Amino acid sequence: MSSSTPQGLTRFNTADASEAQAALHEVCASRAWGSKILAQRPYATTDALFTASDAAMTELSADDLAEAMAGHPPIGRPKPGDPTSNREQSGMSGASDELKSEMLELNLAYQEKFGHVFLICASGRTGEQMRDAVRDRIDHAPEQEREIVRSELGKINRIRLTRIAEGDPS
């Protein structure tokens, strides 16, 4: 690894396996994804970590994706006391009661149809943008939606991995 390796990435590369696994679980709840990332340490660059993450995402089975999604709270209802959930869903924090109620209804309809929470990379999106996305996606076929979810998880993982690489634990 060169001296240009970000400090957080160096810490991740040299952490003991259980500590690194715990950090990866905070990024993505899929054990299969985490195991693949862990097995390829050390990473010389953040881009190398992203490449490994993207490759691991493409290999996840439907059950692995379900496990990954189980780690994500519904949009509009971040995990209490979880700074990551709150930060990522900040676009809903100023939403009107009407929009929050609509998101709850849409989330429930989506979950009933697909059997899992509506998943979107919420960072930087407004409540209205998230509402519009669930409205658009609820009519998808399950296979189409599963691939969109895989893509959205990949985006979320990259944001969270960036925080690890930069040494920001929250």
N, C-alpha and C. Protein backbone atom coordinates (compact mmCIF):
# COMPACT_ATOMS: atom_id res chain seq x y z
N MET A 1 0.84 -1.18 0.00
CA MET A 1 0.00 0.00 0.00
C MET A 1 0.88 1.24 0.00
N SER A 2 0.50 2.22 -0.78
CA SER A 2 1.29 3.44 -0.87
C SER A 2 0.95 4.35 0.30
N SER A 3 1.78 5.37 0.45
CA SER A 3 1.54 6.33 1.51
C SER A 3 0.30 7.18 1.24
N SER A 4 -0.25 7.07 0.03
CA SER A 4 -1.46 7.83 -0.29
C SER A 4 -2.73 7.08 0.10
N THR A 5 -2.59 5.90 0.68
CA THR A 5 -3.77 5.18 1.15
C THR A 5 -4.43 5.98 2.26
N PRO A 6 -5.73 6.24 2.15
CA PRO A 6 -6.41 7.00 3.21
C PRO A 6 -6.24 6.34 4.57
N GLN A 7 -6.12 7.16 5.59
CA GLN A 7 -5.87 6.67 6.95
C GLN A 7 -6.93 5.68 7.42
N GLY A 8 -8.19 5.98 7.13
CA GLY A 8 -9.26 5.07 7.55
C GLY A 8 -9.16 3.74 6.84
N LEU A 9 -8.78 3.76 5.57
CA LEU A 9 -8.62 2.52 4.82
C LEU A 9 -7.47 1.70 5.38
N THR A 10 -6.39 2.36 5.77
CA THR A 10 -5.27 1.67 6.40
C THR A 10 -5.73 1.00 7.69
N ARG A 11 -6.52 1.72 8.49
CA ARG A 11 -7.04 1.14 9.74
C ARG A 11 -7.93 -0.07 9.44
N PHE A 12 -8.78 0.05 8.42
CA PHE A 12 -9.65 -1.06 8.03
C PHE A 12 -8.80 -2.26 7.58
N ASN A 13 -7.80 -2.01 6.78
CA ASN A 13 -6.94 -3.09 6.27
C ASN A 13 -6.21 -3.83 7.39
N THR A 14 -5.85 -3.12 8.44
CA THR A 14 -5.05 -3.72 9.50
C THR A 14 -5.86 -4.13 10.73
N ALA A 15 -7.15 -3.84 10.72
CA ALA A 15 -8.01 -4.22 11.85
C ALA A 15 -8.10 -5.74 11.93
N ASP A 16 -8.31 -6.25 13.14
CA ASP A 16 -8.51 -7.70 13.23
C ASP A 16 -9.82 -8.05 12.53
N ALA A 17 -9.95 -9.31 12.17
CA ALA A 17 -11.07 -9.76 11.33
C ALA A 17 -12.42 -9.45 11.96
N SER A 18 -12.56 -9.63 13.26
CA SER A 18 -13.87 -9.40 13.88
C SER A 18 -14.23 -7.91 13.86
N GLU A 19 -13.25 -7.05 14.07
CA GLU A 19 -13.50 -5.61 14.03
C GLU A 19 -13.86 -5.16 12.61
N ALA A 20 -13.12 -5.67 11.63
CA ALA A 20 -13.40 -5.33 10.22
C ALA A 20 -14.76 -5.87 9.80
N GLN A 21 -15.09 -7.09 10.24
CA GLN A 21 -16.39 -7.69 9.91
C GLN A 21 -17.52 -6.85 10.50
N ALA A 22 -17.35 -6.38 11.72
CA ALA A 22 -18.37 -5.54 12.36
C ALA A 22 -18.56 -4.23 11.58
N ALA A 23 -17.46 -3.64 11.13
CA ALA A 23 -17.55 -2.41 10.34
C ALA A 23 -18.27 -2.67 9.03
N LEU A 24 -17.97 -3.79 8.40
CA LEU A 24 -18.63 -4.14 7.14
C LEU A 24 -20.12 -4.41 7.34
N HIS A 25 -20.47 -5.02 8.47
CA HIS A 25 -21.88 -5.29 8.75
C HIS A 25 -22.67 -3.98 8.89
N GLU A 26 -22.01 -2.93 9.38
CA GLU A 26 -22.66 -1.62 9.46
C GLU A 26 -22.86 -1.02 8.07
N VAL A 27 -22.03 -1.41 7.12
CA VAL A 27 -22.17 -0.96 5.74
C VAL A 27 -23.30 -1.72 5.07
N CYS A 28 -23.27 -3.04 5.20
CA CYS A 28 -24.24 -3.91 4.53
C CYS A 28 -24.47 -5.14 5.38
N ALA A 29 -25.73 -5.46 5.64
CA ALA A 29 -26.09 -6.57 6.53
C ALA A 29 -25.91 -7.95 5.89
N SER A 30 -25.56 -8.01 4.62
CA SER A 30 -25.34 -9.31 3.98
C SER A 30 -24.01 -9.90 4.44
N ARG A 31 -24.09 -11.08 5.06
CA ARG A 31 -22.86 -11.76 5.49
C ARG A 31 -22.01 -12.18 4.30
N ALA A 32 -22.65 -12.60 3.21
CA ALA A 32 -21.90 -13.02 2.02
C ALA A 32 -21.10 -11.85 1.46
N TRP A 33 -21.73 -10.67 1.36
CA TRP A 33 -21.03 -9.48 0.87
C TRP A 33 -19.85 -9.17 1.78
N GLY A 34 -20.09 -9.12 3.08
CA GLY A 34 -19.03 -8.79 4.04
C GLY A 34 -17.87 -9.77 3.99
N SER A 35 -18.18 -11.05 3.86
CA SER A 35 -17.12 -12.06 3.80
C SER A 35 -16.24 -11.87 2.57
N LYS A 36 -16.86 -11.53 1.44
CA LYS A 36 -16.10 -11.32 0.20
C LYS A 36 -15.19 -10.11 0.33
N ILE A 37 -15.68 -9.05 0.93
CA ILE A 37 -14.87 -7.84 1.10
C ILE A 37 -13.73 -8.11 2.07
N LEU A 38 -14.04 -8.77 3.15
CA LEU A 38 -13.04 -9.08 4.16
C LEU A 38 -11.92 -9.95 3.59
N ALA A 39 -12.28 -10.93 2.78
CA ALA A 39 -11.30 -11.89 2.25
C ALA A 39 -10.30 -11.24 1.29
N GLN A 40 -10.64 -10.09 0.73
CA GLN A 40 -9.76 -9.46 -0.26
C GLN A 40 -8.87 -8.36 0.33
N ARG A 41 -8.91 -8.17 1.64
CA ARG A 41 -8.02 -7.18 2.24
C ARG A 41 -6.59 -7.60 2.03
N PRO A 42 -5.65 -6.67 1.94
CA PRO A 42 -5.76 -5.23 2.07
C PRO A 42 -6.11 -4.57 0.73
N TYR A 43 -6.69 -3.38 0.84
CA TYR A 43 -7.05 -2.57 -0.33
C TYR A 43 -6.08 -1.40 -0.43
N ALA A 44 -5.48 -1.22 -1.60
CA ALA A 44 -4.51 -0.14 -1.80
C ALA A 44 -5.20 1.21 -1.93
N THR A 45 -6.42 1.20 -2.47
CA THR A 45 -7.14 2.45 -2.70
C THR A 45 -8.62 2.27 -2.38
N THR A 46 -9.28 3.38 -2.21
CA THR A 46 -10.73 3.35 -2.02
C THR A 46 -11.40 2.79 -3.26
N ASP A 47 -10.89 3.13 -4.44
CA ASP A 47 -11.45 2.59 -5.69
C ASP A 47 -11.36 1.07 -5.73
N ALA A 48 -10.28 0.51 -5.22
CA ALA A 48 -10.15 -0.95 -5.18
C ALA A 48 -11.21 -1.55 -4.25
N LEU A 49 -11.48 -0.87 -3.16
CA LEU A 49 -12.53 -1.31 -2.23
C LEU A 49 -13.89 -1.23 -2.92
N PHE A 50 -14.14 -0.15 -3.66
CA PHE A 50 -15.40 0.00 -4.40
C PHE A 50 -15.55 -1.11 -5.44
N THR A 51 -14.47 -1.41 -6.15
CA THR A 51 -14.52 -2.46 -7.18
C THR A 51 -14.88 -3.80 -6.55
N ALA A 52 -14.27 -4.10 -5.41
CA ALA A 52 -14.57 -5.35 -4.71
C ALA A 52 -16.03 -5.36 -4.24
N SER A 53 -16.50 -4.24 -3.73
CA SER A 53 -17.88 -4.14 -3.27
C SER A 53 -18.85 -4.36 -4.43
N ASP A 54 -18.59 -3.68 -5.54
CA ASP A 54 -19.47 -3.82 -6.70
C ASP A 54 -19.51 -5.26 -7.19
N ALA A 55 -18.35 -5.91 -7.24
CA ALA A 55 -18.29 -7.30 -7.69
C ALA A 55 -19.06 -8.21 -6.73
N ALA A 56 -18.89 -7.97 -5.44
CA ALA A 56 -19.59 -8.78 -4.44
C ALA A 56 -21.10 -8.59 -4.55
N MET A 57 -21.53 -7.35 -4.84
CA MET A 57 -22.97 -7.09 -4.99
C MET A 57 -23.56 -7.88 -6.15
N THR A 58 -22.84 -7.98 -7.25
CA THR A 58 -23.38 -8.69 -8.42
C THR A 58 -23.54 -10.18 -8.14
N GLU A 59 -22.78 -10.70 -7.17
CA GLU A 59 -22.80 -12.13 -6.87
C GLU A 59 -23.83 -12.50 -5.80
N LEU A 60 -24.49 -11.53 -5.20
CA LEU A 60 -25.43 -11.85 -4.12
C LEU A 60 -26.66 -12.58 -4.66
N SER A 61 -27.03 -13.62 -3.96
CA SER A 61 -28.26 -14.36 -4.29
C SER A 61 -29.46 -13.56 -3.81
N ALA A 62 -30.65 -14.02 -4.16
CA ALA A 62 -31.88 -13.38 -3.68
C ALA A 62 -31.93 -13.39 -2.15
N ASP A 63 -31.51 -14.49 -1.53
CA ASP A 63 -31.49 -14.56 -0.06
C ASP A 63 -30.49 -13.58 0.53
N ASP A 64 -29.31 -13.45 -0.12
CA ASP A 64 -28.31 -12.49 0.34
C ASP A 64 -28.84 -11.06 0.25
N LEU A 65 -29.54 -10.77 -0.85
CA LEU A 65 -30.13 -9.43 -0.99
C LEU A 65 -31.18 -9.19 0.09
N ALA A 66 -31.98 -10.19 0.37
CA ALA A 66 -32.99 -10.07 1.43
C ALA A 66 -32.32 -9.78 2.77
N GLU A 67 -31.23 -10.47 3.04
CA GLU A 67 -30.49 -10.23 4.28
C GLU A 67 -29.95 -8.79 4.32
N ALA A 68 -29.44 -8.33 3.20
CA ALA A 68 -28.92 -6.95 3.13
C ALA A 68 -30.04 -5.94 3.37
N MET A 69 -31.18 -6.16 2.75
CA MET A 69 -32.30 -5.23 2.89
C MET A 69 -32.86 -5.20 4.30
N ALA A 70 -32.76 -6.32 5.00
CA ALA A 70 -33.28 -6.39 6.37
C ALA A 70 -32.55 -5.42 7.29
N GLY A 71 -31.36 -4.99 6.89
CA GLY A 71 -30.60 -4.04 7.69
C GLY A 71 -30.99 -2.59 7.46
N HIS A 72 -31.96 -2.34 6.61
CA HIS A 72 -32.36 -0.98 6.27
C HIS A 72 -33.77 -0.69 6.77
N PRO A 73 -33.92 0.41 7.52
CA PRO A 73 -35.26 0.79 7.97
C PRO A 73 -36.06 1.39 6.82
N PRO A 74 -37.38 1.39 6.93
CA PRO A 74 -38.20 2.01 5.90
C PRO A 74 -37.89 3.51 5.77
N ILE A 75 -38.02 4.03 4.55
CA ILE A 75 -37.85 5.46 4.33
C ILE A 75 -38.89 6.21 5.16
N GLY A 76 -38.41 7.21 5.87
CA GLY A 76 -39.30 8.00 6.73
C GLY A 76 -39.33 7.51 8.16
N ARG A 77 -38.70 6.35 8.41
CA ARG A 77 -38.65 5.81 9.77
C ARG A 77 -37.25 5.29 10.07
N PRO A 78 -36.26 6.21 10.15
CA PRO A 78 -34.89 5.78 10.44
C PRO A 78 -34.81 5.11 11.81
N LYS A 79 -33.80 4.27 11.97
CA LYS A 79 -33.61 3.60 13.26
C LYS A 79 -33.35 4.65 14.34
N PRO A 80 -34.09 4.61 15.44
CA PRO A 80 -33.85 5.57 16.52
C PRO A 80 -32.42 5.47 17.03
N GLY A 81 -31.79 6.62 17.20
CA GLY A 81 -30.44 6.67 17.73
C GLY A 81 -29.37 6.25 16.75
N ASP A 82 -29.71 6.01 15.50
CA ASP A 82 -28.73 5.58 14.50
C ASP A 82 -28.36 6.78 13.63
N PRO A 83 -27.15 7.34 13.83
CA PRO A 83 -26.78 8.53 13.06
C PRO A 83 -26.71 8.26 11.55
N THR A 84 -26.36 7.04 11.15
CA THR A 84 -26.28 6.72 9.72
C THR A 84 -27.66 6.79 9.10
N SER A 85 -28.65 6.12 9.70
CA SER A 85 -30.03 6.16 9.19
C SER A 85 -30.55 7.58 9.13
N ASN A 86 -30.33 8.33 10.20
CA ASN A 86 -30.83 9.69 10.25
C ASN A 86 -30.18 10.57 9.19
N ARG A 87 -28.87 10.42 9.00
CA ARG A 87 -28.16 11.22 8.00
C ARG A 87 -28.64 10.86 6.60
N GLU A 88 -28.73 9.56 6.32
CA GLU A 88 -29.09 9.12 4.98
C GLU A 88 -30.53 9.48 4.62
N GLN A 89 -31.39 9.54 5.60
CA GLN A 89 -32.79 9.85 5.34
C GLN A 89 -33.15 11.30 5.71
N SER A 90 -32.17 12.16 5.77
CA SER A 90 -32.42 13.53 6.21
C SER A 90 -33.41 14.26 5.30
N GLY A 91 -33.56 13.81 4.06
CA GLY A 91 -34.51 14.43 3.14
C GLY A 91 -35.95 14.30 3.61
N MET A 92 -36.21 13.37 4.51
CA MET A 92 -37.57 13.20 5.05
C MET A 92 -37.76 14.00 6.34
N SER A 93 -36.68 14.50 6.92
CA SER A 93 -36.80 15.13 8.24
C SER A 93 -37.69 16.37 8.23
N GLY A 94 -37.67 17.14 7.14
CA GLY A 94 -38.50 18.33 7.08
C GLY A 94 -39.79 18.12 6.31
N ALA A 95 -40.09 16.87 6.00
CA ALA A 95 -41.29 16.57 5.20
C ALA A 95 -42.56 16.88 6.00
N SER A 96 -43.58 17.26 5.27
CA SER A 96 -44.88 17.54 5.90
C SER A 96 -45.47 16.25 6.46
N ASP A 97 -46.40 16.41 7.38
CA ASP A 97 -47.09 15.24 7.93
C ASP A 97 -47.81 14.48 6.82
N GLU A 98 -48.33 15.22 5.84
CA GLU A 98 -49.02 14.60 4.72
C GLU A 98 -48.06 13.72 3.90
N LEU A 99 -46.87 14.24 3.63
CA LEU A 99 -45.88 13.47 2.87
C LEU A 99 -45.42 12.25 3.67
N LYS A 100 -45.20 12.42 4.96
CA LYS A 100 -44.79 11.30 5.81
C LYS A 100 -45.86 10.22 5.82
N SER A 101 -47.12 10.63 5.90
CA SER A 101 -48.22 9.67 5.89
C SER A 101 -48.30 8.95 4.54
N GLU A 102 -48.12 9.70 3.47
CA GLU A 102 -48.13 9.09 2.14
C GLU A 102 -46.98 8.10 1.98
N MET A 103 -45.80 8.45 2.50
CA MET A 103 -44.66 7.53 2.41
C MET A 103 -44.93 6.26 3.20
N LEU A 104 -45.56 6.38 4.35
CA LEU A 104 -45.90 5.21 5.15
C LEU A 104 -46.82 4.29 4.34
N GLU A 105 -47.85 4.86 3.73
CA GLU A 105 -48.78 4.05 2.92
C GLU A 105 -48.06 3.40 1.74
N LEU A 106 -47.23 4.17 1.05
CA LEU A 106 -46.49 3.63 -0.10
C LEU A 106 -45.52 2.54 0.33
N ASN A 107 -44.82 2.79 1.45
CA ASN A 107 -43.89 1.77 1.97
C ASN A 107 -44.62 0.46 2.26
N LEU A 108 -45.79 0.56 2.88
CA LEU A 108 -46.55 -0.64 3.22
C LEU A 108 -47.02 -1.37 1.96
N ALA A 109 -47.49 -0.61 0.97
CA ALA A 109 -47.94 -1.23 -0.29
C ALA A 109 -46.76 -1.88 -1.01
N TYR A 110 -45.63 -1.21 -1.02
CA TYR A 110 -44.44 -1.75 -1.66
C TYR A 110 -44.00 -3.05 -0.95
N GLN A 111 -43.96 -2.99 0.37
CA GLN A 111 -43.53 -4.16 1.15
C GLN A 111 -44.50 -5.33 0.94
N GLU A 112 -45.77 -5.03 0.85
CA GLU A 112 -46.75 -6.10 0.61
C GLU A 112 -46.51 -6.75 -0.76
N LYS A 113 -46.21 -5.95 -1.75
CA LYS A 113 -45.99 -6.48 -3.10
C LYS A 113 -44.68 -7.24 -3.21
N PHE A 114 -43.59 -6.66 -2.69
CA PHE A 114 -42.26 -7.24 -2.92
C PHE A 114 -41.71 -8.05 -1.75
N GLY A 115 -42.30 -7.92 -0.57
CA GLY A 115 -41.85 -8.70 0.58
C GLY A 115 -40.64 -8.12 1.29
N HIS A 116 -40.28 -6.88 0.98
CA HIS A 116 -39.16 -6.21 1.65
C HIS A 116 -39.38 -4.70 1.60
N VAL A 117 -38.58 -3.98 2.40
CA VAL A 117 -38.71 -2.53 2.43
C VAL A 117 -38.34 -1.93 1.07
N PHE A 118 -38.90 -0.76 0.81
CA PHE A 118 -38.50 0.02 -0.35
C PHE A 118 -37.11 0.54 -0.07
N LEU A 119 -36.19 0.23 -0.95
CA LEU A 119 -34.80 0.62 -0.74
C LEU A 119 -34.36 1.57 -1.83
N ILE A 120 -33.81 2.69 -1.39
CA ILE A 120 -33.28 3.69 -2.32
C ILE A 120 -32.09 4.35 -1.64
N CYS A 121 -31.12 4.75 -2.43
CA CYS A 121 -30.02 5.54 -1.89
C CYS A 121 -30.60 6.92 -1.63
N ALA A 122 -30.96 7.16 -0.38
CA ALA A 122 -31.71 8.36 -0.01
C ALA A 122 -30.82 9.59 0.17
N SER A 123 -29.53 9.40 0.27
CA SER A 123 -28.62 10.53 0.49
C SER A 123 -28.80 11.58 -0.60
N GLY A 124 -29.05 12.81 -0.16
CA GLY A 124 -29.19 13.91 -1.09
C GLY A 124 -30.55 14.02 -1.76
N ARG A 125 -31.47 13.13 -1.44
CA ARG A 125 -32.80 13.17 -2.06
C ARG A 125 -33.80 13.83 -1.11
N THR A 126 -34.75 14.53 -1.70
CA THR A 126 -35.82 15.13 -0.91
C THR A 126 -36.89 14.08 -0.65
N GLY A 127 -37.75 14.37 0.29
CA GLY A 127 -38.88 13.48 0.56
C GLY A 127 -39.74 13.27 -0.67
N GLU A 128 -39.95 14.34 -1.42
CA GLU A 128 -40.76 14.25 -2.64
C GLU A 128 -40.10 13.34 -3.67
N GLN A 129 -38.78 13.45 -3.81
CA GLN A 129 -38.08 12.59 -4.77
C GLN A 129 -38.19 11.12 -4.37
N MET A 130 -38.11 10.84 -3.07
CA MET A 130 -38.23 9.46 -2.61
C MET A 130 -39.65 8.95 -2.83
N ARG A 131 -40.63 9.79 -2.56
CA ARG A 131 -42.03 9.41 -2.80
C ARG A 131 -42.25 9.11 -4.28
N ASP A 132 -41.74 9.97 -5.14
CA ASP A 132 -41.91 9.76 -6.57
C ASP A 132 -41.23 8.46 -7.02
N ALA A 133 -40.09 8.15 -6.43
CA ALA A 133 -39.38 6.92 -6.80
C ALA A 133 -40.18 5.68 -6.40
N VAL A 134 -40.74 5.67 -5.20
CA VAL A 134 -41.53 4.49 -4.80
C VAL A 134 -42.78 4.38 -5.66
N ARG A 135 -43.38 5.51 -6.01
CA ARG A 135 -44.55 5.48 -6.90
C ARG A 135 -44.17 4.86 -8.25
N ASP A 136 -43.03 5.24 -8.79
CA ASP A 136 -42.58 4.71 -10.08
C ASP A 136 -42.25 3.23 -10.00
N ARG A 137 -41.59 2.84 -8.92
CA ARG A 137 -41.06 1.48 -8.83
C ARG A 137 -42.08 0.44 -8.39
N ILE A 138 -43.17 0.84 -7.79
CA ILE A 138 -44.13 -0.13 -7.26
C ILE A 138 -44.78 -0.96 -8.36
N ASP A 139 -44.77 -0.46 -9.57
CA ASP A 139 -45.37 -1.19 -10.69
C ASP A 139 -44.39 -2.13 -11.39
N HIS A 140 -43.15 -2.17 -10.94
CA HIS A 140 -42.16 -3.05 -11.56
C HIS A 140 -42.46 -4.52 -11.31
N ALA A 141 -41.94 -5.34 -12.19
CA ALA A 141 -41.94 -6.78 -11.94
C ALA A 141 -40.92 -7.08 -10.85
N PRO A 142 -41.13 -8.12 -10.05
CA PRO A 142 -40.19 -8.44 -8.97
C PRO A 142 -38.73 -8.57 -9.45
N GLU A 143 -38.51 -9.19 -10.60
CA GLU A 143 -37.14 -9.39 -11.09
C GLU A 143 -36.49 -8.04 -11.41
N GLN A 144 -37.25 -7.15 -12.04
CA GLN A 144 -36.74 -5.81 -12.37
C GLN A 144 -36.43 -5.04 -11.09
N GLU A 145 -37.32 -5.13 -10.13
CA GLU A 145 -37.12 -4.40 -8.88
C GLU A 145 -35.93 -4.94 -8.10
N ARG A 146 -35.72 -6.26 -8.14
CA ARG A 146 -34.58 -6.84 -7.43
C ARG A 146 -33.27 -6.27 -7.97
N GLU A 147 -33.17 -6.06 -9.28
CA GLU A 147 -31.93 -5.51 -9.85
C GLU A 147 -31.78 -4.03 -9.52
N ILE A 148 -32.88 -3.30 -9.43
CA ILE A 148 -32.81 -1.90 -9.00
C ILE A 148 -32.35 -1.84 -7.55
N VAL A 149 -32.89 -2.72 -6.72
CA VAL A 149 -32.49 -2.78 -5.31
C VAL A 149 -30.99 -3.09 -5.21
N ARG A 150 -30.52 -4.01 -6.01
CA ARG A 150 -29.09 -4.37 -6.01
C ARG A 150 -28.25 -3.13 -6.33
N SER A 151 -28.68 -2.37 -7.32
CA SER A 151 -27.97 -1.15 -7.70
C SER A 151 -28.01 -0.10 -6.59
N GLU A 152 -29.18 0.08 -5.97
CA GLU A 152 -29.31 1.05 -4.89
C GLU A 152 -28.45 0.65 -3.69
N LEU A 153 -28.43 -0.65 -3.37
CA LEU A 153 -27.57 -1.13 -2.28
C LEU A 153 -26.10 -0.83 -2.59
N GLY A 154 -25.71 -1.03 -3.84
CA GLY A 154 -24.34 -0.74 -4.23
C GLY A 154 -23.98 0.72 -3.99
N LYS A 155 -24.90 1.62 -4.31
CA LYS A 155 -24.67 3.06 -4.09
C LYS A 155 -24.55 3.36 -2.60
N ILE A 156 -25.44 2.78 -1.82
CA ILE A 156 -25.40 2.98 -0.36
C ILE A 156 -24.09 2.45 0.20
N ASN A 157 -23.69 1.26 -0.25
CA ASN A 157 -22.44 0.68 0.23
C ASN A 157 -21.25 1.57 -0.08
N ARG A 158 -21.21 2.16 -1.27
CA ARG A 158 -20.11 3.05 -1.64
C ARG A 158 -20.04 4.26 -0.71
N ILE A 159 -21.20 4.85 -0.40
CA ILE A 159 -21.22 6.00 0.51
C ILE A 159 -20.69 5.58 1.88
N ARG A 160 -21.15 4.46 2.36
CA ARG A 160 -20.73 4.00 3.69
C ARG A 160 -19.27 3.55 3.70
N LEU A 161 -18.81 2.92 2.62
CA LEU A 161 -17.40 2.53 2.54
C LEU A 161 -16.49 3.76 2.48
N THR A 162 -16.96 4.82 1.84
CA THR A 162 -16.20 6.06 1.80
C THR A 162 -15.97 6.59 3.21
N ARG A 163 -17.00 6.49 4.04
CA ARG A 163 -16.87 6.94 5.42
C ARG A 163 -15.81 6.11 6.17
N ILE A 164 -15.78 4.82 5.92
CA ILE A 164 -14.74 3.98 6.54
C ILE A 164 -13.37 4.39 6.04
N ALA A 165 -13.23 4.52 4.72
CA ALA A 165 -11.93 4.86 4.12
C ALA A 165 -11.42 6.20 4.59
N GLU A 166 -12.34 7.14 4.80
CA GLU A 166 -11.94 8.47 5.26
C GLU A 166 -11.77 8.54 6.77
N GLY A 167 -12.08 7.42 7.45
CA GLY A 167 -11.88 7.37 8.89
C GLY A 167 -12.98 8.03 9.69
N ASP A 168 -14.17 8.16 9.10
CA ASP A 168 -15.32 8.75 9.79
C ASP A 168 -16.20 7.62 10.30
N PRO A 169 -16.17 7.31 11.59
CA PRO A 169 -16.90 6.15 12.09
C PRO A 169 -18.41 6.31 12.13
N SER A 170 -18.94 7.53 12.07
CA SER A 170 -20.39 7.68 12.22
C SER A 170 -21.12 7.56 10.91
